[in-house]
Amino acid sequence: MVTKYHRTVEDGIVLLGNLWIKQKRAKTVYRGNQRPLSIVDYNSKSMVNYQPDVYFKLRNNKKLIFEVLDSQEKKQDLIIADVIQSFLIEDVEGVIFVYSGNLPEKIRINEALVTIAKGLVYKGINESEIPFDRSGSIPVKREDAISPEKVKEILLKKIKEIESCKNGSNFSIQYSKYQ
């Protein structure tokens, strides 16, 4: 069941995507339940669908995936599942988790991103194929998620802060810190 917080944040992300389309930063915006992404096994041509909350198809044809953590933010196994699924999609620029702003949730998200990325590299996946350095989390407090417009403004402000830092180092998890 989708909560009011989840729906408001998701709608705010869609508004951000529509703004990016006008600014020529993105080509399209999709809700994952309307247009899922496919995880493909190229040897057998089998596939599994992954339904992120929202994703943008960027100008470079890569995907920027957004996951809204609401009831699942306290369940690390669900965060891990989202990380693995998003990392297995072809041409992903990054995955952004939007969460309620509590420190334990941020730690859970970061631990999942770091552990899965390091595990995939250890298993032989080329590090350049993992969208780790463009992935992270953005807090949107429940009391601030009063409308999709407000959420869009919060996301815009945070993304501008991220982009003003060299290479987005404020956003991406400090990988060396966890090694």
N, C-alpha and C. Protein backbone atom coordinates (compact mmCIF):
# COMPACT_ATOMS: atom_id res chain seq x y z
N MET A 1 0.84 -1.18 0.00
CA MET A 1 0.00 0.00 0.00
C MET A 1 0.89 1.25 0.00
N VAL A 2 0.59 2.16 -0.89
CA VAL A 2 1.37 3.38 -1.02
C VAL A 2 0.80 4.44 -0.07
N THR A 3 1.68 5.04 0.72
CA THR A 3 1.25 6.06 1.67
C THR A 3 1.19 7.44 1.00
N LYS A 4 0.62 8.40 1.70
CA LYS A 4 0.55 9.77 1.19
C LYS A 4 1.96 10.33 0.99
N TYR A 5 2.86 10.06 1.93
CA TYR A 5 4.25 10.52 1.80
C TYR A 5 4.87 9.97 0.52
N HIS A 6 4.72 8.65 0.31
CA HIS A 6 5.31 8.00 -0.85
C HIS A 6 4.76 8.61 -2.14
N ARG A 7 3.45 8.76 -2.23
CA ARG A 7 2.82 9.30 -3.44
C ARG A 7 3.26 10.75 -3.68
N THR A 8 3.31 11.55 -2.63
CA THR A 8 3.70 12.96 -2.77
C THR A 8 5.15 13.07 -3.25
N VAL A 9 6.04 12.28 -2.67
CA VAL A 9 7.45 12.31 -3.08
C VAL A 9 7.59 11.81 -4.52
N GLU A 10 6.91 10.73 -4.84
CA GLU A 10 6.96 10.20 -6.21
C GLU A 10 6.47 11.25 -7.21
N ASP A 11 5.36 11.90 -6.90
CA ASP A 11 4.84 12.96 -7.78
C ASP A 11 5.82 14.12 -7.90
N GLY A 12 6.51 14.45 -6.80
CA GLY A 12 7.53 15.50 -6.84
C GLY A 12 8.70 15.14 -7.74
N ILE A 13 9.09 13.87 -7.71
CA ILE A 13 10.17 13.40 -8.59
C ILE A 13 9.74 13.50 -10.05
N VAL A 14 8.49 13.15 -10.34
CA VAL A 14 7.97 13.27 -11.70
C VAL A 14 7.98 14.74 -12.14
N LEU A 15 7.59 15.65 -11.26
CA LEU A 15 7.65 17.08 -11.59
C LEU A 15 9.09 17.52 -11.89
N LEU A 16 10.04 17.02 -11.10
CA LEU A 16 11.45 17.32 -11.35
C LEU A 16 11.85 16.80 -12.73
N GLY A 17 11.45 15.60 -13.05
CA GLY A 17 11.75 15.03 -14.37
C GLY A 17 11.16 15.85 -15.50
N ASN A 18 9.93 16.31 -15.34
CA ASN A 18 9.31 17.15 -16.37
C ASN A 18 10.06 18.47 -16.53
N LEU A 19 10.54 19.03 -15.43
CA LEU A 19 11.37 20.24 -15.49
C LEU A 19 12.66 19.95 -16.26
N TRP A 20 13.28 18.81 -15.95
CA TRP A 20 14.52 18.44 -16.65
C TRP A 20 14.28 18.23 -18.14
N ILE A 21 13.11 17.74 -18.51
CA ILE A 21 12.79 17.59 -19.94
C ILE A 21 12.77 18.98 -20.59
N LYS A 22 12.12 19.94 -19.94
CA LYS A 22 12.07 21.32 -20.47
C LYS A 22 13.46 21.92 -20.55
N GLN A 23 14.32 21.58 -19.59
CA GLN A 23 15.69 22.10 -19.57
C GLN A 23 16.63 21.28 -20.44
N LYS A 24 16.11 20.27 -21.11
CA LYS A 24 16.88 19.38 -21.99
C LYS A 24 17.92 18.55 -21.24
N ARG A 25 17.68 18.29 -19.96
CA ARG A 25 18.57 17.42 -19.17
C ARG A 25 18.12 15.97 -19.24
N ALA A 26 16.84 15.76 -19.53
CA ALA A 26 16.28 14.41 -19.63
C ALA A 26 15.40 14.34 -20.87
N LYS A 27 15.24 13.12 -21.37
CA LYS A 27 14.36 12.91 -22.53
C LYS A 27 12.95 12.53 -22.10
N THR A 28 12.88 11.61 -21.12
CA THR A 28 11.57 11.11 -20.68
C THR A 28 11.60 10.81 -19.19
N VAL A 29 10.40 10.73 -18.62
CA VAL A 29 10.21 10.37 -17.22
C VAL A 29 9.19 9.24 -17.18
N TYR A 30 9.50 8.20 -16.41
CA TYR A 30 8.58 7.07 -16.30
C TYR A 30 8.38 6.69 -14.85
N ARG A 31 7.19 6.22 -14.55
CA ARG A 31 6.93 5.53 -13.29
C ARG A 31 7.17 4.05 -13.57
N GLY A 32 7.89 3.39 -12.68
CA GLY A 32 8.25 2.00 -12.91
C GLY A 32 7.07 1.06 -13.00
N ASN A 33 5.97 1.38 -12.32
CA ASN A 33 4.81 0.49 -12.38
C ASN A 33 4.08 0.61 -13.71
N GLN A 34 4.33 1.68 -14.46
CA GLN A 34 3.73 1.85 -15.78
C GLN A 34 4.64 1.37 -16.90
N ARG A 35 5.94 1.49 -16.67
CA ARG A 35 6.92 1.06 -17.67
C ARG A 35 8.14 0.49 -16.95
N PRO A 36 8.09 -0.81 -16.61
CA PRO A 36 9.21 -1.41 -15.86
C PRO A 36 10.47 -1.51 -16.71
N LEU A 37 11.59 -1.63 -16.02
CA LEU A 37 12.89 -1.86 -16.66
C LEU A 37 13.16 -3.36 -16.67
N SER A 38 13.87 -3.82 -17.68
CA SER A 38 14.15 -5.25 -17.80
C SER A 38 15.58 -5.58 -17.41
N ILE A 39 15.72 -6.62 -16.60
CA ILE A 39 17.02 -7.21 -16.30
C ILE A 39 17.11 -8.42 -17.21
N VAL A 40 18.06 -8.39 -18.15
CA VAL A 40 18.09 -9.39 -19.22
C VAL A 40 19.26 -10.34 -19.04
N ASP A 41 19.00 -11.63 -19.25
CA ASP A 41 20.06 -12.64 -19.36
C ASP A 41 20.29 -12.83 -20.85
N TYR A 42 21.39 -12.29 -21.36
CA TYR A 42 21.63 -12.29 -22.79
C TYR A 42 21.94 -13.67 -23.34
N ASN A 43 22.33 -14.61 -22.50
CA ASN A 43 22.59 -15.97 -22.97
C ASN A 43 21.31 -16.72 -23.26
N SER A 44 20.32 -16.59 -22.40
CA SER A 44 19.08 -17.33 -22.58
C SER A 44 17.93 -16.46 -23.07
N LYS A 45 18.16 -15.17 -23.15
CA LYS A 45 17.15 -14.19 -23.54
C LYS A 45 15.98 -14.13 -22.55
N SER A 46 16.22 -14.64 -21.34
CA SER A 46 15.22 -14.50 -20.28
C SER A 46 15.32 -13.10 -19.70
N MET A 47 14.24 -12.67 -19.08
CA MET A 47 14.30 -11.36 -18.44
C MET A 47 13.37 -11.32 -17.24
N VAL A 48 13.71 -10.41 -16.34
CA VAL A 48 12.93 -10.15 -15.14
C VAL A 48 12.66 -8.65 -15.13
N ASN A 49 11.45 -8.27 -14.82
CA ASN A 49 11.12 -6.84 -14.77
C ASN A 49 11.39 -6.26 -13.39
N TYR A 50 11.91 -5.05 -13.40
CA TYR A 50 12.18 -4.28 -12.18
C TYR A 50 11.36 -3.00 -12.26
N GLN A 51 10.62 -2.72 -11.21
CA GLN A 51 9.75 -1.55 -11.20
C GLN A 51 10.24 -0.52 -10.17
N PRO A 52 11.17 0.34 -10.57
CA PRO A 52 11.56 1.41 -9.65
C PRO A 52 10.39 2.37 -9.50
N ASP A 53 10.44 3.21 -8.50
CA ASP A 53 9.34 4.16 -8.33
C ASP A 53 9.26 5.12 -9.52
N VAL A 54 10.38 5.73 -9.86
CA VAL A 54 10.44 6.66 -11.00
C VAL A 54 11.83 6.54 -11.60
N TYR A 55 11.93 6.72 -12.92
CA TYR A 55 13.25 6.84 -13.53
C TYR A 55 13.18 7.82 -14.70
N PHE A 56 14.33 8.46 -14.92
CA PHE A 56 14.47 9.40 -16.03
C PHE A 56 15.37 8.75 -17.07
N LYS A 57 15.03 8.93 -18.32
CA LYS A 57 15.96 8.60 -19.40
C LYS A 57 16.65 9.91 -19.75
N LEU A 58 17.95 9.96 -19.50
CA LEU A 58 18.71 11.19 -19.65
C LEU A 58 19.10 11.44 -21.11
N ARG A 59 19.68 12.58 -21.38
CA ARG A 59 20.08 12.94 -22.75
C ARG A 59 21.12 11.97 -23.32
N ASN A 60 21.93 11.36 -22.45
CA ASN A 60 22.95 10.40 -22.91
C ASN A 60 22.38 8.98 -23.00
N ASN A 61 21.06 8.85 -22.92
CA ASN A 61 20.33 7.57 -22.98
C ASN A 61 20.53 6.68 -21.77
N LYS A 62 21.19 7.19 -20.74
CA LYS A 62 21.31 6.42 -19.50
C LYS A 62 20.11 6.71 -18.62
N LYS A 63 19.90 5.84 -17.65
CA LYS A 63 18.75 5.97 -16.76
C LYS A 63 19.19 6.44 -15.38
N LEU A 64 18.42 7.34 -14.80
CA LEU A 64 18.61 7.78 -13.43
C LEU A 64 17.40 7.26 -12.66
N ILE A 65 17.65 6.33 -11.74
CA ILE A 65 16.59 5.64 -11.02
C ILE A 65 16.36 6.28 -9.66
N PHE A 66 15.10 6.46 -9.31
CA PHE A 66 14.71 6.99 -8.01
C PHE A 66 13.88 5.95 -7.27
N GLU A 67 14.24 5.69 -6.04
CA GLU A 67 13.47 4.82 -5.15
C GLU A 67 13.06 5.64 -3.94
N VAL A 68 11.77 5.64 -3.63
CA VAL A 68 11.25 6.34 -2.46
C VAL A 68 11.13 5.32 -1.34
N LEU A 69 11.85 5.58 -0.26
CA LEU A 69 11.78 4.68 0.89
C LEU A 69 10.77 5.24 1.87
N ASP A 70 9.80 4.42 2.17
CA ASP A 70 8.76 4.83 3.12
C ASP A 70 8.67 3.75 4.17
N SER A 71 7.76 2.83 4.02
CA SER A 71 7.63 1.75 5.00
C SER A 71 8.83 0.81 4.94
N GLN A 72 9.50 0.73 3.79
CA GLN A 72 10.63 -0.18 3.65
C GLN A 72 11.96 0.41 4.12
N GLU A 73 11.98 1.67 4.57
CA GLU A 73 13.26 2.28 4.92
C GLU A 73 13.91 1.64 6.14
N LYS A 74 13.15 0.94 6.95
CA LYS A 74 13.72 0.25 8.10
C LYS A 74 14.10 -1.20 7.78
N LYS A 75 13.81 -1.63 6.55
CA LYS A 75 14.05 -3.02 6.15
C LYS A 75 15.22 -3.06 5.16
N GLN A 76 16.39 -3.39 5.67
CA GLN A 76 17.58 -3.35 4.83
C GLN A 76 17.50 -4.35 3.68
N ASP A 77 16.82 -5.48 3.86
CA ASP A 77 16.74 -6.46 2.78
C ASP A 77 16.02 -5.88 1.56
N LEU A 78 15.03 -5.03 1.76
CA LEU A 78 14.34 -4.41 0.64
C LEU A 78 15.21 -3.34 -0.02
N ILE A 79 15.99 -2.63 0.77
CA ILE A 79 16.94 -1.66 0.21
C ILE A 79 17.98 -2.39 -0.63
N ILE A 80 18.50 -3.50 -0.11
CA ILE A 80 19.49 -4.30 -0.84
C ILE A 80 18.90 -4.80 -2.16
N ALA A 81 17.66 -5.26 -2.13
CA ALA A 81 17.01 -5.74 -3.36
C ALA A 81 16.93 -4.62 -4.39
N ASP A 82 16.56 -3.41 -3.97
CA ASP A 82 16.50 -2.28 -4.90
C ASP A 82 17.88 -1.95 -5.46
N VAL A 83 18.91 -1.99 -4.62
CA VAL A 83 20.27 -1.71 -5.08
C VAL A 83 20.70 -2.73 -6.13
N ILE A 84 20.53 -4.01 -5.82
CA ILE A 84 20.95 -5.07 -6.75
C ILE A 84 20.20 -4.94 -8.07
N GLN A 85 18.89 -4.79 -8.00
CA GLN A 85 18.11 -4.68 -9.24
C GLN A 85 18.56 -3.48 -10.07
N SER A 86 18.75 -2.34 -9.43
CA SER A 86 19.15 -1.15 -10.19
C SER A 86 20.54 -1.29 -10.78
N PHE A 87 21.45 -1.96 -10.06
CA PHE A 87 22.80 -2.16 -10.57
C PHE A 87 22.83 -3.16 -11.74
N LEU A 88 21.82 -4.01 -11.86
CA LEU A 88 21.78 -5.00 -12.94
C LEU A 88 21.12 -4.48 -14.22
N ILE A 89 20.54 -3.31 -14.17
CA ILE A 89 19.93 -2.70 -15.35
C ILE A 89 21.04 -2.12 -16.23
N GLU A 90 20.88 -2.27 -17.54
CA GLU A 90 21.85 -1.71 -18.48
C GLU A 90 21.76 -0.19 -18.51
N ASP A 91 22.88 0.46 -18.66
CA ASP A 91 22.97 1.91 -18.87
C ASP A 91 22.31 2.73 -17.76
N VAL A 92 22.71 2.46 -16.53
CA VAL A 92 22.20 3.24 -15.40
C VAL A 92 23.24 4.28 -15.01
N GLU A 93 22.82 5.52 -14.95
CA GLU A 93 23.69 6.62 -14.53
C GLU A 93 23.85 6.63 -13.01
N GLY A 94 22.75 6.33 -12.31
CA GLY A 94 22.80 6.31 -10.85
C GLY A 94 21.46 5.90 -10.27
N VAL A 95 21.48 5.62 -8.98
CA VAL A 95 20.25 5.32 -8.26
C VAL A 95 20.20 6.23 -7.04
N ILE A 96 19.08 6.91 -6.88
CA ILE A 96 18.92 7.86 -5.79
C ILE A 96 17.78 7.38 -4.89
N PHE A 97 18.10 7.20 -3.63
CA PHE A 97 17.09 6.83 -2.65
C PHE A 97 16.62 8.11 -1.96
N VAL A 98 15.32 8.34 -1.97
CA VAL A 98 14.73 9.46 -1.24
C VAL A 98 14.14 8.87 0.03
N TYR A 99 14.56 9.41 1.17
CA TYR A 99 14.15 8.85 2.46
C TYR A 99 13.73 9.97 3.39
N SER A 100 13.20 9.61 4.56
CA SER A 100 12.58 10.59 5.46
C SER A 100 13.56 11.46 6.25
N GLY A 101 14.83 11.25 6.09
CA GLY A 101 15.82 12.13 6.71
C GLY A 101 16.41 11.63 8.01
N ASN A 102 16.04 10.45 8.45
CA ASN A 102 16.60 9.90 9.69
C ASN A 102 17.97 9.29 9.43
N LEU A 103 18.91 9.53 10.34
CA LEU A 103 20.27 9.04 10.18
C LEU A 103 20.36 7.52 10.05
N PRO A 104 19.64 6.72 10.84
CA PRO A 104 19.75 5.26 10.67
C PRO A 104 19.38 4.80 9.26
N GLU A 105 18.42 5.45 8.63
CA GLU A 105 18.04 5.08 7.27
C GLU A 105 19.15 5.44 6.29
N LYS A 106 19.76 6.61 6.47
CA LYS A 106 20.87 7.00 5.59
C LYS A 106 22.01 5.99 5.71
N ILE A 107 22.30 5.56 6.92
CA ILE A 107 23.36 4.57 7.14
C ILE A 107 23.00 3.25 6.45
N ARG A 108 21.74 2.81 6.58
CA ARG A 108 21.31 1.57 5.93
C ARG A 108 21.46 1.65 4.41
N ILE A 109 21.07 2.79 3.84
CA ILE A 109 21.19 2.98 2.40
C ILE A 109 22.66 2.94 1.98
N ASN A 110 23.50 3.70 2.67
CA ASN A 110 24.92 3.76 2.32
C ASN A 110 25.60 2.40 2.47
N GLU A 111 25.29 1.69 3.55
CA GLU A 111 25.87 0.36 3.74
C GLU A 111 25.47 -0.58 2.60
N ALA A 112 24.21 -0.52 2.19
CA ALA A 112 23.76 -1.38 1.10
C ALA A 112 24.48 -1.03 -0.20
N LEU A 113 24.57 0.26 -0.52
CA LEU A 113 25.24 0.67 -1.76
C LEU A 113 26.70 0.24 -1.76
N VAL A 114 27.40 0.49 -0.67
CA VAL A 114 28.83 0.16 -0.59
C VAL A 114 29.04 -1.34 -0.65
N THR A 115 28.31 -2.08 0.15
CA THR A 115 28.51 -3.53 0.24
C THR A 115 28.21 -4.21 -1.09
N ILE A 116 27.11 -3.84 -1.73
CA ILE A 116 26.75 -4.46 -3.01
C ILE A 116 27.76 -4.08 -4.09
N ALA A 117 28.15 -2.80 -4.16
CA ALA A 117 29.13 -2.38 -5.17
C ALA A 117 30.45 -3.11 -4.98
N LYS A 118 30.95 -3.17 -3.75
CA LYS A 118 32.22 -3.87 -3.49
C LYS A 118 32.08 -5.36 -3.80
N GLY A 119 30.95 -5.94 -3.45
CA GLY A 119 30.73 -7.36 -3.71
C GLY A 119 30.71 -7.68 -5.19
N LEU A 120 30.07 -6.84 -5.98
CA LEU A 120 30.02 -7.06 -7.43
C LEU A 120 31.41 -6.91 -8.06
N VAL A 121 32.17 -5.92 -7.60
CA VAL A 121 33.54 -5.74 -8.10
C VAL A 121 34.38 -6.95 -7.72
N TYR A 122 34.26 -7.43 -6.50
CA TYR A 122 34.99 -8.61 -6.03
C TYR A 122 34.65 -9.83 -6.88
N LYS A 123 33.40 -9.92 -7.31
CA LYS A 123 32.95 -11.06 -8.12
C LYS A 123 33.35 -10.92 -9.59
N GLY A 124 33.98 -9.81 -9.95
CA GLY A 124 34.50 -9.67 -11.30
C GLY A 124 33.76 -8.71 -12.21
N ILE A 125 32.75 -8.04 -11.70
CA ILE A 125 32.05 -7.05 -12.52
C ILE A 125 32.96 -5.83 -12.64
N ASN A 126 33.10 -5.32 -13.85
CA ASN A 126 33.93 -4.15 -14.09
C ASN A 126 33.35 -2.96 -13.31
N GLU A 127 34.19 -2.30 -12.54
CA GLU A 127 33.75 -1.19 -11.69
C GLU A 127 33.07 -0.08 -12.49
N SER A 128 33.49 0.12 -13.74
CA SER A 128 32.90 1.18 -14.56
C SER A 128 31.46 0.86 -14.95
N GLU A 129 31.04 -0.39 -14.81
CA GLU A 129 29.66 -0.78 -15.14
C GLU A 129 28.71 -0.61 -13.97
N ILE A 130 29.24 -0.28 -12.80
CA ILE A 130 28.41 -0.13 -11.61
C ILE A 130 28.22 1.36 -11.35
N PRO A 131 26.98 1.84 -11.29
CA PRO A 131 26.74 3.29 -11.13
C PRO A 131 26.93 3.77 -9.70
N PHE A 132 27.95 3.28 -9.05
CA PHE A 132 28.16 3.55 -7.63
C PHE A 132 28.44 5.01 -7.33
N ASP A 133 29.33 5.62 -8.11
CA ASP A 133 29.77 6.98 -7.80
C ASP A 133 28.71 8.04 -8.06
N ARG A 134 27.63 7.68 -8.72
CA ARG A 134 26.53 8.62 -8.98
C ARG A 134 25.27 8.20 -8.21
N SER A 135 25.44 7.37 -7.20
CA SER A 135 24.31 6.88 -6.42
C SER A 135 24.41 7.38 -4.99
N GLY A 136 23.27 7.49 -4.34
CA GLY A 136 23.26 7.96 -2.96
C GLY A 136 21.86 8.19 -2.46
N SER A 137 21.74 9.11 -1.52
CA SER A 137 20.43 9.34 -0.90
C SER A 137 20.18 10.83 -0.72
N ILE A 138 18.92 11.19 -0.78
CA ILE A 138 18.49 12.57 -0.56
C ILE A 138 17.36 12.55 0.47
N PRO A 139 17.52 13.31 1.56
CA PRO A 139 16.46 13.33 2.57
C PRO A 139 15.32 14.29 2.20
N VAL A 140 14.10 13.81 2.39
CA VAL A 140 12.91 14.66 2.31
C VAL A 140 12.08 14.30 3.53
N LYS A 141 12.08 15.19 4.51
CA LYS A 141 11.37 14.92 5.76
C LYS A 141 9.87 14.83 5.51
N ARG A 142 9.22 14.00 6.30
CA ARG A 142 7.78 13.80 6.16
C ARG A 142 7.01 15.11 6.29
N GLU A 143 7.41 15.95 7.24
CA GLU A 143 6.69 17.21 7.43
C GLU A 143 6.93 18.20 6.29
N ASP A 144 7.99 17.98 5.50
CA ASP A 144 8.26 18.85 4.35
C ASP A 144 7.58 18.36 3.07
N ALA A 145 7.13 17.13 3.06
CA ALA A 145 6.50 16.54 1.87
C ALA A 145 5.01 16.88 1.86
N ILE A 146 4.72 18.18 1.85
CA ILE A 146 3.33 18.62 1.91
C ILE A 146 2.67 18.68 0.53
N SER A 147 3.50 18.80 -0.51
CA SER A 147 2.98 18.83 -1.88
C SER A 147 4.08 18.37 -2.83
N PRO A 148 3.70 17.88 -4.02
CA PRO A 148 4.72 17.52 -5.01
C PRO A 148 5.62 18.70 -5.38
N GLU A 149 5.06 19.90 -5.46
CA GLU A 149 5.87 21.10 -5.77
C GLU A 149 6.95 21.34 -4.72
N LYS A 150 6.58 21.20 -3.46
CA LYS A 150 7.53 21.39 -2.36
C LYS A 150 8.64 20.34 -2.44
N VAL A 151 8.27 19.10 -2.72
CA VAL A 151 9.26 18.02 -2.86
C VAL A 151 10.20 18.33 -4.01
N LYS A 152 9.65 18.79 -5.13
CA LYS A 152 10.48 19.14 -6.29
C LYS A 152 11.49 20.22 -5.91
N GLU A 153 11.05 21.23 -5.17
CA GLU A 153 11.96 22.30 -4.74
C GLU A 153 13.06 21.78 -3.83
N ILE A 154 12.72 20.88 -2.91
CA ILE A 154 13.72 20.28 -2.02
C ILE A 154 14.74 19.50 -2.84
N LEU A 155 14.26 18.70 -3.79
CA LEU A 155 15.17 17.90 -4.63
C LEU A 155 16.06 18.80 -5.47
N LEU A 156 15.48 19.86 -6.05
CA LEU A 156 16.27 20.80 -6.86
C LEU A 156 17.38 21.43 -6.03
N LYS A 157 17.04 21.86 -4.83
CA LYS A 157 18.04 22.49 -3.95
C LYS A 157 19.17 21.52 -3.64
N LYS A 158 18.82 20.29 -3.29
CA LYS A 158 19.84 19.29 -2.94
C LYS A 158 20.70 18.94 -4.16
N ILE A 159 20.07 18.80 -5.31
CA ILE A 159 20.82 18.47 -6.52
C ILE A 159 21.76 19.61 -6.90
N LYS A 160 21.33 20.85 -6.73
CA LYS A 160 22.23 21.99 -6.99
C LYS A 160 23.43 21.97 -6.05
N GLU A 161 23.19 21.63 -4.78
CA GLU A 161 24.30 21.50 -3.82
C GLU A 161 25.27 20.42 -4.29
N ILE A 162 24.72 19.31 -4.72
CA ILE A 162 25.54 18.18 -5.18
C ILE A 162 26.38 18.60 -6.39
N GLU A 163 25.72 19.25 -7.35
CA GLU A 163 26.42 19.63 -8.58
C GLU A 163 27.45 20.72 -8.34
N SER A 164 27.28 21.51 -7.30
CA SER A 164 28.27 22.56 -7.02
C SER A 164 29.55 21.98 -6.41
N CYS A 165 29.46 20.78 -5.86
CA CYS A 165 30.65 20.11 -5.34
C CYS A 165 31.39 19.47 -6.51
N LYS A 166 32.68 19.46 -6.44
CA LYS A 166 33.47 18.86 -7.51
C LYS A 166 33.14 17.37 -7.61
N ASN A 167 32.75 16.93 -8.80
CA ASN A 167 32.43 15.54 -9.09
C ASN A 167 31.33 14.98 -8.18
N GLY A 168 30.51 15.83 -7.63
CA GLY A 168 29.43 15.35 -6.77
C GLY A 168 29.91 14.63 -5.54
N SER A 169 31.11 14.96 -5.07
CA SER A 169 31.69 14.22 -3.95
C SER A 169 30.86 14.33 -2.67
N ASN A 170 30.03 15.35 -2.58
CA ASN A 170 29.15 15.48 -1.42
C ASN A 170 28.03 14.45 -1.47
N PHE A 171 27.71 13.97 -2.65
CA PHE A 171 26.59 13.06 -2.85
C PHE A 171 27.02 11.60 -2.83
N SER A 172 28.04 11.30 -3.62
CA SER A 172 28.46 9.91 -3.68
C SER A 172 29.10 9.50 -2.36
N ILE A 173 28.93 8.27 -2.05
CA ILE A 173 29.46 7.75 -0.79
C ILE A 173 30.97 7.68 -0.90
N GLN A 174 31.63 8.03 0.16
CA GLN A 174 33.08 7.98 0.15
C GLN A 174 33.51 6.52 0.22
N TYR A 175 33.75 5.95 -0.96
CA TYR A 175 34.04 4.53 -1.12
C TYR A 175 35.26 4.12 -0.30
N SER A 176 36.31 4.94 -0.32
CA SER A 176 37.54 4.58 0.39
C SER A 176 37.32 4.48 1.89
N LYS A 177 36.33 5.21 2.40
CA LYS A 177 36.03 5.20 3.82
C LYS A 177 35.59 3.81 4.29
N TYR A 178 35.01 3.03 3.37
CA TYR A 178 34.46 1.74 3.73
C TYR A 178 35.39 0.57 3.38
N GLN A 179 36.53 0.85 2.77
CA GLN A 179 37.42 -0.24 2.36
C GLN A 179 38.24 -0.75 3.52
